[in-house]
Protein backbone atom coordinates (compact mmCIF):
# COMPACT_ATOMS: atom_id res chain seq x y z
CA MET A 1 -15.43 26.20 -215.15
CA LYS A 2 -18.51 28.43 -213.70
CA TYR A 3 -22.16 26.58 -214.35
CA LEU A 4 -25.77 27.49 -213.98
CA ILE A 5 -28.42 24.51 -213.71
CA VAL A 6 -31.39 25.09 -214.03
CA GLY A 7 -33.49 23.25 -211.81
CA PRO A 8 -36.69 21.36 -211.44
CA SER A 9 -39.95 22.33 -210.39
CA TRP A 10 -40.57 19.43 -208.75
CA VAL A 11 -38.88 18.63 -204.88
CA GLY A 12 -38.49 15.24 -205.39
CA ASP A 13 -36.33 16.05 -208.95
CA MET A 14 -34.68 18.31 -207.44
CA VAL A 15 -33.20 15.92 -205.03
CA MET A 16 -32.09 13.65 -208.07
CA ALA A 17 -30.18 16.41 -209.36
CA GLN A 18 -27.74 16.73 -207.20
CA THR A 19 -25.89 13.34 -209.25
CA LEU A 20 -25.96 16.16 -211.61
CA PHE A 21 -24.00 18.36 -209.77
CA ILE A 22 -21.71 15.35 -207.90
CA ALA A 23 -20.84 14.78 -212.11
CA LEU A 24 -19.75 18.36 -212.72
CA LYS A 25 -17.40 17.97 -209.33
CA ARG A 26 -16.02 14.44 -210.06
CA GLN A 27 -14.38 16.14 -213.80
CA TYR A 28 -13.64 19.28 -212.49
CA PRO A 29 -13.65 19.66 -208.41
CA ASN A 30 -13.02 23.19 -208.54
CA ALA A 31 -16.19 24.08 -211.03
CA ILE A 32 -18.98 27.04 -209.21
CA ILE A 33 -22.15 25.74 -209.64
CA ASP A 34 -24.89 27.61 -209.94
CA VAL A 35 -28.89 26.56 -209.79
CA LEU A 36 -31.55 28.85 -211.16
CA ALA A 37 -34.57 27.31 -209.27
CA PRO A 38 -37.73 28.37 -207.64
CA GLY A 39 -37.48 29.79 -204.30
CA TRP A 40 -39.04 26.72 -202.28
CA SER A 41 -35.98 25.06 -203.13
CA SER A 42 -33.45 26.99 -201.22
CA PRO A 43 -33.28 24.74 -198.27
CA ILE A 44 -32.51 21.43 -200.84
CA LEU A 45 -29.92 23.19 -202.56
CA GLU A 46 -28.48 24.92 -199.18
CA ARG A 47 -28.18 21.22 -198.00
CA MET A 48 -25.68 20.13 -201.44
CA PRO A 49 -22.57 20.88 -200.65
CA GLU A 50 -21.49 21.35 -204.70
CA VAL A 51 -23.73 23.89 -205.10
CA ARG A 52 -22.53 27.44 -204.49
CA ARG A 53 -25.64 29.70 -204.23
CA ALA A 54 -29.56 29.14 -205.52
CA ILE A 55 -31.30 32.17 -207.52
CA ASP A 56 -34.36 31.98 -207.00
CA MET A 57 -36.78 31.72 -210.38
CA PRO A 58 -38.85 34.67 -210.07
CA VAL A 59 -41.32 33.53 -212.52
CA GLY A 60 -43.63 31.04 -211.67
CA HIS A 61 -43.86 27.25 -213.37
CA GLY A 62 -45.84 27.81 -216.76
CA SER A 63 -45.98 31.14 -216.65
CA LEU A 64 -43.71 33.35 -219.58
CA ASN A 65 -43.54 36.53 -218.10
CA LEU A 66 -40.66 37.42 -220.73
CA ASN A 67 -39.73 40.72 -219.59
CA LEU A 68 -39.14 39.38 -216.03
CA ARG A 69 -37.19 36.52 -217.96
CA ARG A 70 -34.90 39.52 -219.34
CA LYS A 71 -34.42 40.73 -215.79
CA VAL A 72 -33.43 37.97 -214.80
CA ALA A 73 -31.34 37.43 -217.74
CA HIS A 74 -29.58 40.44 -217.73
CA SER A 75 -28.45 40.11 -214.00
CA LEU A 76 -26.64 36.64 -214.52
CA LYS A 77 -24.60 37.92 -217.80
CA ALA A 78 -21.60 38.95 -215.12
CA GLU A 79 -21.33 36.29 -214.02
CA SER A 80 -19.93 34.88 -217.24
CA TYR A 81 -20.41 31.19 -217.00
CA ASP A 82 -19.25 28.78 -219.31
CA GLN A 83 -21.78 26.28 -219.48
CA ALA A 84 -25.44 26.01 -218.76
CA ILE A 85 -27.31 22.44 -218.16
CA LEU A 86 -31.14 23.14 -218.79
CA LEU A 87 -33.08 20.25 -216.76
CA PRO A 88 -36.76 21.18 -217.95
CA ASN A 89 -37.75 20.04 -221.06
CA SER A 90 -39.71 23.00 -221.68
CA LEU A 91 -38.92 26.41 -224.16
CA LYS A 92 -39.56 28.85 -221.31
CA SER A 93 -35.93 27.24 -219.40
CA ALA A 94 -33.99 27.60 -222.08
CA LEU A 95 -34.68 31.90 -222.28
CA ILE A 96 -33.22 32.66 -219.90
CA PRO A 97 -29.90 31.04 -220.65
CA PHE A 98 -30.01 32.00 -223.99
CA LEU A 99 -30.62 35.82 -223.20
CA ALA A 100 -27.63 35.94 -220.65
CA GLY A 101 -25.15 35.31 -223.76
CA ILE A 102 -24.03 31.85 -221.95
CA PRO A 103 -21.46 30.17 -224.48
CA VAL A 104 -22.62 26.73 -224.04
CA ARG A 105 -26.91 25.73 -223.85
CA THR A 106 -27.29 22.18 -223.02
CA GLY A 107 -30.27 20.40 -222.57
CA TRP A 108 -32.74 17.39 -224.20
CA ARG A 109 -34.69 17.83 -226.69
CA GLY A 110 -38.34 19.36 -225.68
CA GLU A 111 -40.34 21.90 -226.79
CA MET A 112 -38.38 23.40 -229.96
CA ARG A 113 -35.94 24.85 -228.39
CA TYR A 114 -33.98 24.87 -231.71
CA GLY A 115 -31.49 28.16 -231.95
CA LEU A 116 -31.69 28.48 -227.31
CA LEU A 117 -29.79 25.56 -227.13
CA ASN A 118 -26.38 24.98 -228.99
CA ASP A 119 -25.58 21.97 -227.20
CA LEU A 120 -29.48 19.82 -227.72
CA ARG A 121 -29.17 16.49 -226.90
CA THR A 122 -31.92 13.08 -228.19
CA LEU A 123 -32.82 11.53 -225.63
CA ASP A 124 -32.85 7.43 -226.02
CA LYS A 125 -35.19 6.65 -223.03
CA LYS A 126 -34.34 3.04 -223.11
CA GLN A 127 -30.80 4.02 -222.78
CA TYR A 128 -31.92 6.26 -220.53
CA PRO A 129 -34.34 4.61 -217.98
CA LEU A 130 -33.84 6.26 -214.83
CA MET A 131 -34.26 10.21 -214.11
CA ILE A 132 -30.44 10.10 -212.66
CA GLU A 133 -28.82 8.82 -216.04
CA ARG A 134 -30.70 11.41 -218.19
CA PHE A 135 -29.32 13.93 -215.08
CA VAL A 136 -26.07 12.98 -214.98
CA ALA A 137 -25.18 12.27 -219.11
CA LEU A 138 -25.43 16.19 -219.52
CA ALA A 139 -22.68 16.70 -217.31
CA TYR A 140 -20.70 14.43 -220.41
CA PRO A 141 -20.05 14.59 -223.51
CA ASP A 142 -22.93 13.07 -225.83
CA LYS A 143 -23.20 9.76 -225.94
CA GLU A 144 -19.92 9.59 -223.88
CA ALA A 145 -20.70 6.30 -221.14
CA LEU A 146 -21.88 6.79 -217.34
CA PRO A 147 -19.96 6.01 -214.87
CA THR A 148 -20.64 3.23 -212.92
CA PRO A 149 -21.75 2.82 -209.74
CA LEU A 150 -23.27 6.94 -210.59
CA PRO A 151 -23.36 9.25 -208.31
CA VAL A 152 -26.58 9.22 -205.94
CA PRO A 153 -28.09 12.09 -204.03
CA ALA A 154 -26.47 12.81 -200.04
CA LEU A 155 -27.93 15.52 -198.51
CA GLU A 156 -25.80 17.41 -195.69
CA VAL A 157 -27.87 17.61 -192.57
CA ASN A 158 -27.83 21.62 -190.93
CA LYS A 159 -27.10 20.50 -187.16
CA ALA A 160 -28.16 23.63 -185.79
CA ASN A 161 -31.52 23.62 -187.27
CA LEU A 162 -31.91 20.00 -186.32
CA ASP A 163 -31.71 21.00 -182.60
CA SER A 164 -33.10 23.99 -182.79
CA ALA A 165 -36.31 22.06 -184.27
CA LEU A 166 -36.51 19.50 -182.31
CA GLY A 167 -36.93 21.70 -179.82
CA ARG A 168 -39.59 23.61 -181.14
CA TYR A 169 -41.62 20.86 -182.13
CA ARG A 170 -40.76 19.17 -178.54
CA LEU A 171 -39.41 16.23 -180.07
CA THR A 172 -37.70 13.39 -177.55
CA SER A 173 -34.81 11.55 -178.78
CA GLY A 174 -35.56 8.53 -176.58
CA ALA A 175 -37.45 6.10 -178.26
CA PRO A 176 -36.98 4.98 -181.94
CA VAL A 177 -38.59 6.82 -184.94
CA LEU A 178 -41.02 6.12 -187.38
CA ALA A 179 -41.35 8.54 -190.20
CA LEU A 180 -45.19 8.56 -192.23
CA CYS A 181 -44.64 10.98 -195.77
CA PRO A 182 -48.89 9.89 -196.43
CA GLY A 183 -49.11 13.09 -198.97
CA ALA A 184 -48.23 13.35 -202.61
CA GLU A 185 -47.97 16.18 -204.38
CA PHE A 186 -49.32 14.93 -208.46
CA GLY A 187 -52.32 12.68 -207.14
CA PRO A 188 -54.79 10.57 -204.68
CA SER A 189 -53.29 7.85 -207.60
CA LYS A 190 -49.93 8.02 -205.35
CA GLN A 191 -51.24 7.59 -202.08
CA TRP A 192 -51.07 4.65 -199.98
CA PRO A 193 -54.84 4.16 -198.05
CA ALA A 194 -54.76 6.58 -194.78
CA GLY A 195 -55.96 2.83 -193.07
CA TYR A 196 -53.03 1.43 -193.10
CA TYR A 197 -50.87 3.73 -192.75
CA GLY A 198 -52.83 4.00 -189.35
CA GLU A 199 -52.69 0.29 -189.26
CA VAL A 200 -48.93 0.52 -189.15
CA ALA A 201 -48.85 3.01 -186.45
CA LEU A 202 -50.52 1.24 -184.08
CA ILE A 203 -48.29 -1.68 -184.29
CA MET A 204 -44.99 0.39 -184.18
CA ALA A 205 -46.64 2.83 -181.32
CA ARG A 206 -46.83 -0.22 -179.42
CA ARG A 207 -43.42 -1.69 -179.29
CA GLY A 208 -42.79 1.46 -178.11
CA TRP A 209 -41.38 3.92 -181.14
CA GLN A 210 -42.91 7.55 -182.25
CA VAL A 211 -44.38 8.40 -184.88
CA TRP A 212 -43.74 11.61 -186.75
CA LEU A 213 -46.05 12.30 -189.62
CA PHE A 214 -44.64 14.40 -192.35
CA GLY A 215 -45.83 16.76 -195.22
CA SER A 216 -47.88 20.01 -195.95
CA ALA A 217 -50.59 21.77 -194.62
CA LYS A 218 -52.89 19.58 -197.82
CA ASP A 219 -51.89 16.08 -195.72
CA ARG A 220 -53.33 18.09 -192.52
CA GLN A 221 -56.18 15.93 -192.74
CA VAL A 222 -54.34 12.61 -193.66
CA THR A 223 -52.81 12.75 -191.71
CA SER A 224 -55.15 14.02 -188.58
CA GLU A 225 -57.33 10.06 -189.71
CA ILE A 226 -53.47 8.63 -189.89
CA VAL A 227 -53.45 9.30 -185.88
CA SER A 228 -56.94 8.99 -185.10
CA TYR A 229 -56.92 4.94 -185.88
CA LEU A 230 -54.39 4.85 -182.45
CA PRO A 231 -56.30 4.60 -179.63
CA LYS A 232 -56.00 7.95 -177.39
CA THR A 233 -53.20 6.36 -175.02
CA LEU A 234 -51.01 5.38 -178.36
CA GLN A 235 -51.14 9.21 -179.80
CA ASP A 236 -48.95 10.68 -177.54
CA HIS A 237 -46.72 8.60 -179.44
CA CYS A 238 -47.21 10.52 -182.39
CA CYS A 239 -46.12 13.61 -183.80
CA ASN A 240 -48.05 15.45 -186.49
CA LEU A 241 -45.95 18.04 -188.29
CA ALA A 242 -47.80 18.04 -191.48
CA GLY A 243 -48.44 21.74 -192.23
CA GLU A 244 -46.73 22.83 -189.61
CA THR A 245 -43.06 22.33 -190.40
CA THR A 246 -40.34 24.39 -192.75
CA LEU A 247 -38.54 22.32 -195.28
CA ALA A 248 -35.84 22.85 -194.63
CA ASP A 249 -37.64 21.48 -190.34
CA ALA A 250 -38.31 18.50 -192.86
CA VAL A 251 -35.30 17.78 -194.11
CA ASP A 252 -33.37 17.79 -191.05
CA LEU A 253 -35.80 16.54 -188.84
CA LEU A 254 -36.47 13.00 -190.96
CA SER A 255 -32.58 13.19 -190.69
CA ARG A 256 -33.17 11.13 -187.83
CA ALA A 257 -35.80 8.81 -188.47
CA ASP A 258 -34.91 5.38 -187.36
CA ALA A 259 -37.04 4.53 -190.57
CA VAL A 260 -39.64 5.92 -193.28
CA VAL A 261 -42.69 4.49 -194.69
CA SER A 262 -42.72 7.15 -198.16
CA ASN A 263 -45.38 6.91 -200.90
CA ASP A 264 -43.36 8.10 -204.08
CA SER A 265 -43.12 11.28 -202.93
CA GLY A 266 -40.40 13.92 -202.66
CA LEU A 267 -39.96 13.12 -199.11
CA MET A 268 -39.50 9.84 -199.76
CA HIS A 269 -36.90 10.88 -201.88
CA ILE A 270 -35.10 12.59 -199.04
CA ALA A 271 -35.51 10.56 -196.93
CA ALA A 272 -33.75 8.18 -199.59
CA ALA A 273 -30.31 11.12 -199.74
CA LEU A 274 -30.50 11.17 -195.93
CA SER A 275 -29.99 7.14 -196.62
CA ARG A 276 -32.48 6.31 -194.04
CA PRO A 277 -34.20 3.02 -193.78
CA LEU A 278 -36.72 3.56 -196.00
CA ILE A 279 -39.82 2.00 -197.46
CA ALA A 280 -41.26 3.31 -200.66
CA VAL A 281 -44.80 2.63 -201.51
CA TYR A 282 -45.81 2.89 -205.67
CA GLY A 283 -49.03 1.94 -207.36
CA SER A 284 -49.47 4.42 -210.69
CA THR A 285 -46.16 5.68 -211.12
CA THR A 286 -43.52 2.28 -211.51
CA ALA A 287 -39.61 2.26 -209.29
CA ALA A 288 -38.13 1.61 -212.82
CA HIS A 289 -37.91 5.35 -213.44
CA THR A 290 -37.30 7.45 -209.97
CA PRO A 291 -36.43 4.71 -207.79
CA PRO A 292 -34.86 5.96 -204.17
CA MET A 293 -31.17 5.76 -204.63
CA ASN A 294 -30.22 4.77 -201.16
CA GLN A 295 -28.93 0.65 -200.19
CA ASN A 296 -30.98 0.80 -197.43
CA SER A 297 -34.53 0.61 -198.74
CA LYS A 298 -37.48 -1.83 -199.79
CA THR A 299 -39.92 -0.60 -202.93
CA LEU A 300 -43.90 -2.23 -202.80
CA TRP A 301 -45.04 -2.81 -206.55
CA LEU A 302 -47.74 -4.83 -207.41
CA GLY A 303 -46.97 -4.39 -210.85
CA LEU A 304 -50.70 -5.21 -211.52
CA GLU A 305 -52.08 -4.92 -215.27
CA CYS A 306 -53.35 -1.27 -214.82
CA SER A 307 -50.13 0.45 -213.78
CA PRO A 308 -48.75 1.67 -213.79
CA CYS A 309 -50.98 4.88 -215.50
CA PHE A 310 -49.06 7.06 -214.18
CA LYS A 311 -52.56 9.41 -213.92
CA ARG A 312 -53.14 11.72 -211.33
CA GLU A 313 -56.58 9.73 -210.24
CA CYS A 314 -57.06 6.04 -210.88
CA PRO A 315 -58.94 6.51 -214.26
CA LEU A 316 -60.50 2.61 -213.58
CA GLY A 317 -61.96 4.47 -210.05
CA HIS A 318 -60.73 1.38 -207.67
CA MET A 319 -56.95 2.18 -206.61
CA ASN A 320 -56.63 -1.74 -206.94
CA CYS A 321 -52.91 -1.20 -207.44
CA MET A 322 -52.74 0.46 -203.49
CA ARG A 323 -55.80 -1.45 -202.01
CA LYS A 324 -54.30 -4.62 -202.58
CA LEU A 325 -51.06 -3.61 -200.93
CA GLY A 326 -51.90 -4.10 -197.71
CA PRO A 327 -50.13 -3.13 -194.95
CA GLU A 328 -48.69 -6.67 -193.88
CA MET A 329 -47.01 -5.90 -197.10
CA VAL A 330 -45.27 -3.08 -195.67
CA LEU A 331 -44.80 -4.31 -191.91
CA LYS A 332 -43.08 -7.78 -193.67
CA ALA A 333 -40.46 -4.93 -195.33
CA LEU A 334 -40.08 -2.63 -191.69
CA SER A 335 -39.21 -5.90 -190.41
CA ASP A 336 -36.18 -6.67 -193.00
CA LEU A 337 -34.74 -3.19 -192.51
CA THR A 338 -35.45 -2.76 -188.20
CA GLY A 339 -34.43 -6.67 -187.64
CA GLN A 340 -37.76 -7.02 -185.14
CA GLU A 341 -40.49 -8.87 -185.67
CA LEU A 342 -43.67 -6.45 -186.40
CA LEU A 343 -45.97 -9.11 -188.27
CA GLU A 344 -47.07 -11.18 -184.91
CA ILE A 345 -48.61 -8.14 -183.29
CA ARG A 346 -51.12 -7.06 -185.68
CA GLU A 347 -54.08 -8.86 -183.72
């Protein structure tokens, strides 16, 4: 079997898509899996052994550009794929597999894709509450029972790139590493307060831990604020990598973390797929749909009456779902994961 997978447009979703690839390989060990996805996702796909190659999707998210989609479809015809599986639910995502003449085109019912897909499934969200269930289900005939346990994402590390990144960013491995991922591309409602991250960083630095801060260039302001909560005598324990690393570097460097604290974000799913001890902080969203899938993780969520709202910004203006989730909760979870008592030195 030869598959073309149309991949999602978010980092976390792309990590979770590996569950589909694993499910296909379990059925057909010799299956060829190519993934049509945005170019930024290549470092993630390269760390999935199930994927033969990543194919750059040159049309931006939300753009139609029918002529360019026709060119991409024409270039894929020679591959003679047996089946296309679409993870996005948009009409636009169905155009290239249809134009490429792929005989079986599978996906969930979405934006009027009748005719474009000929294996069109109706999603029962109660039957498949987890996103990975919705991905894995597309590897099997419609309504067939899913395997148990479900496959989980498991990224491989590029050792050569890891060693190079450690050198380029002048990182040492002499002390345990706490990775902090305080950004959230979706919006501020998913961001735990910088001051809370700062308190956790301070306590861990006092314990002799290194603190590595990850994120995009957009997160540089918040990561710099976190560093500022530490006295200058401890700031050399921190390395602010936000906006400095490539995605490939971030994946490989996260593999060296002894513990990770993260918002509900793409980096959280990467840390989980690397099986790092992980504290995932949820506020406006919930782990009921997209939890970290590794066993050595803890999810924290208050479950307030107003949450989950799934809004980019708090519609009530108070952000209580995050503000009331104090640093002591994260420190307690870190204590459980690391075996170190952390609350006793909060003063």
